[in-house]
């Protein structure tokens, strides 16, 4: 089934793209959430008219993602954990904890968009990547200290 995307979807494409997906995926997920519309002849003609609006929306989303990226890079995530001797943590720091910290600071970031390079199991300073937009990523600092 061919659909026209209304939103950026990492696994499919960008706003305005015509992509072929499984009928169940379109019928049960994309269409009810208004992430896409069926690629009929009527919708294809309407797409030409809507491309200007979609381009504006795409540019606006990119600009807001860049602004959010700059704000995130200025933010330092300070977490405290219980630890044993030599600074080894009981457990590890997860992207869920980082997302919760950022949510407390006013950033609504999905935990799935936070990528840790390595597992954080020791006290120290680390970096994490946040995929805000397909074209924008931000690197945040994570400081882990003993409780």
Protein backbone atom coordinates (compact mmCIF):
# COMPACT_ATOMS: atom_id res chain seq x y z
CA UNK A 1 0.00 0.00 0.00
CA UNK A 2 1.37 3.44 -0.90
CA UNK A 3 0.98 6.32 1.54
CA UNK A 4 2.05 9.96 1.70
CA UNK A 5 3.83 10.83 4.95
CA UNK A 6 2.58 13.78 7.02
CA UNK A 7 5.37 13.49 9.62
CA UNK A 8 9.03 12.47 9.69
CA UNK A 9 9.31 8.78 10.53
CA UNK A 10 12.85 7.48 11.09
CA UNK A 11 12.27 4.09 9.47
CA UNK A 12 10.22 5.31 6.48
CA UNK A 13 11.10 8.79 5.31
CA UNK A 14 10.44 12.49 5.53
CA UNK A 15 7.37 14.70 5.26
CA UNK A 16 5.77 14.50 1.79
CA UNK A 17 7.47 11.27 0.70
CA UNK A 18 5.38 8.62 -1.02
CA UNK A 19 6.38 5.26 0.46
CA UNK A 20 5.16 1.70 0.12
CA UNK A 21 4.25 0.01 3.41
CA UNK A 22 2.39 -3.09 4.51
CA UNK A 23 -1.39 -2.60 4.44
CA UNK A 24 -1.77 -3.49 8.13
CA UNK A 25 0.92 -1.01 9.18
CA UNK A 26 -0.81 1.74 7.24
CA UNK A 27 -4.33 0.82 8.33
CA UNK A 28 -3.56 0.20 12.01
CA UNK A 29 -0.81 2.70 12.78
CA UNK A 30 -0.04 5.38 10.20
CA UNK A 31 -3.55 6.36 9.14
CA UNK A 32 -5.26 6.45 12.60
CA UNK A 33 -2.43 8.56 14.06
CA UNK A 34 -2.60 10.88 11.02
CA UNK A 35 1.08 10.23 10.28
CA UNK A 36 0.19 9.47 6.66
CA UNK A 37 -2.64 9.56 4.11
CA UNK A 38 -3.37 7.01 1.36
CA UNK A 39 -1.60 7.81 -1.92
CA UNK A 40 -4.72 8.01 -4.08
CA UNK A 41 -4.98 10.10 -7.24
CA UNK A 42 -6.90 12.79 -5.36
CA UNK A 43 -4.34 12.88 -2.55
CA UNK A 44 -1.46 12.91 -5.06
CA UNK A 45 -2.94 16.03 -6.69
CA UNK A 46 -3.47 17.58 -3.27
CA UNK A 47 0.14 16.73 -2.44
CA UNK A 48 1.41 19.22 -5.01
CA UNK A 49 -0.58 21.96 -3.34
CA UNK A 50 0.42 20.81 0.12
CA UNK A 51 4.15 20.53 -0.67
CA UNK A 52 4.65 24.21 0.08
CA UNK A 53 2.92 23.81 3.42
CA UNK A 54 4.88 20.63 4.16
CA UNK A 55 8.15 22.32 3.24
CA UNK A 56 7.31 25.15 5.64
CA UNK A 57 6.44 22.62 8.36
CA UNK A 58 9.65 20.70 7.67
CA UNK A 59 11.75 23.88 7.92
CA UNK A 60 9.96 24.92 11.09
CA UNK A 61 10.53 21.47 12.64
CA UNK A 62 14.20 21.60 11.68
CA UNK A 63 14.65 25.06 13.17
CA UNK A 64 12.89 24.13 16.42
CA UNK A 65 15.04 20.97 16.59
CA UNK A 66 18.20 23.06 16.18
CA UNK A 67 17.07 25.42 18.95
CA UNK A 68 16.27 22.46 21.20
CA UNK A 69 19.67 20.97 20.38
CA UNK A 70 21.45 24.14 21.47
CA UNK A 71 19.49 24.23 24.72
CA UNK A 72 20.24 20.55 25.38
CA UNK A 73 23.97 20.94 24.73
CA UNK A 74 24.07 23.70 27.36
CA UNK A 75 22.41 21.35 29.86
CA UNK A 76 24.55 19.14 32.11
CA UNK A 77 22.84 16.02 33.44
CA UNK A 78 23.96 15.49 37.05
CA UNK A 79 22.98 12.11 38.48
CA UNK A 80 23.84 10.58 41.85
CA UNK A 81 24.04 6.84 42.38
CA UNK A 82 25.06 4.50 45.14
CA UNK A 83 28.46 3.08 44.47
CA UNK A 84 30.96 0.67 45.91
CA UNK A 85 34.69 0.90 46.25
CA UNK A 86 36.71 2.45 43.45
CA UNK A 87 33.64 4.31 42.12
CA UNK A 88 31.85 1.31 40.63
CA UNK A 89 28.08 1.81 40.56
CA UNK A 90 25.49 -0.61 41.86
CA UNK A 91 23.70 -1.06 38.54
CA UNK A 92 24.16 1.38 35.69
CA UNK A 93 22.91 4.70 34.39
CA UNK A 94 20.30 4.19 31.69
CA UNK A 95 18.80 6.42 29.03
CA UNK A 96 15.53 6.26 31.01
CA UNK A 97 17.17 8.04 33.96
CA UNK A 98 18.64 10.67 31.66
CA UNK A 99 15.21 11.20 30.04
CA UNK A 100 13.61 11.56 33.50
CA UNK A 101 16.24 14.13 34.52
CA UNK A 102 15.67 16.11 31.32
CA UNK A 103 11.90 15.93 31.81
CA UNK A 104 12.32 17.46 35.28
CA UNK A 105 14.29 20.28 33.63
CA UNK A 106 11.49 20.93 31.12
CA UNK A 107 12.72 18.96 28.10
CA UNK A 108 10.31 16.34 26.76
CA UNK A 109 12.74 13.87 25.18
CA UNK A 110 11.78 10.27 24.45
CA UNK A 111 14.19 7.81 26.06
CA UNK A 112 14.54 5.96 22.75
CA UNK A 113 16.16 9.03 21.22
CA UNK A 114 18.95 9.10 23.82
CA UNK A 115 21.93 7.02 22.73
CA UNK A 116 24.68 6.11 25.18
CA UNK A 117 28.03 5.30 23.58
CA UNK A 118 29.04 2.91 26.36
CA UNK A 119 27.30 1.52 29.42
CA UNK A 120 27.78 3.88 32.35
CA UNK A 121 28.88 1.76 35.32
CA UNK A 122 31.41 4.05 37.01
CA UNK A 123 31.46 7.51 38.54
CA UNK A 124 32.66 10.18 36.15
CA UNK A 125 31.77 12.36 33.20
CA UNK A 126 30.28 10.84 30.08
CA UNK A 127 28.59 12.02 26.92
CA UNK A 128 25.32 10.92 25.38
CA UNK A 129 23.83 11.67 21.99
CA UNK A 130 20.23 12.82 21.59
CA UNK A 131 18.62 12.29 18.18
CA UNK A 132 16.20 15.21 18.09
CA UNK A 133 15.52 15.22 14.35
CA UNK A 134 16.83 13.11 11.45
CA UNK A 135 19.21 15.96 10.60
CA UNK A 136 19.92 17.24 14.14
CA UNK A 137 21.70 15.52 17.00
CA UNK A 138 22.87 17.00 20.27
CA UNK A 139 25.60 15.81 22.60
CA UNK A 140 24.88 16.19 26.30
CA UNK A 141 27.23 15.79 29.24
CA UNK A 142 26.32 13.30 31.95
CA UNK A 143 28.04 13.67 35.32
CA UNK A 144 27.64 10.69 37.63
CA UNK A 145 28.57 11.17 41.28
CA UNK A 146 28.38 9.09 44.45
CA UNK A 147 25.34 9.32 46.67
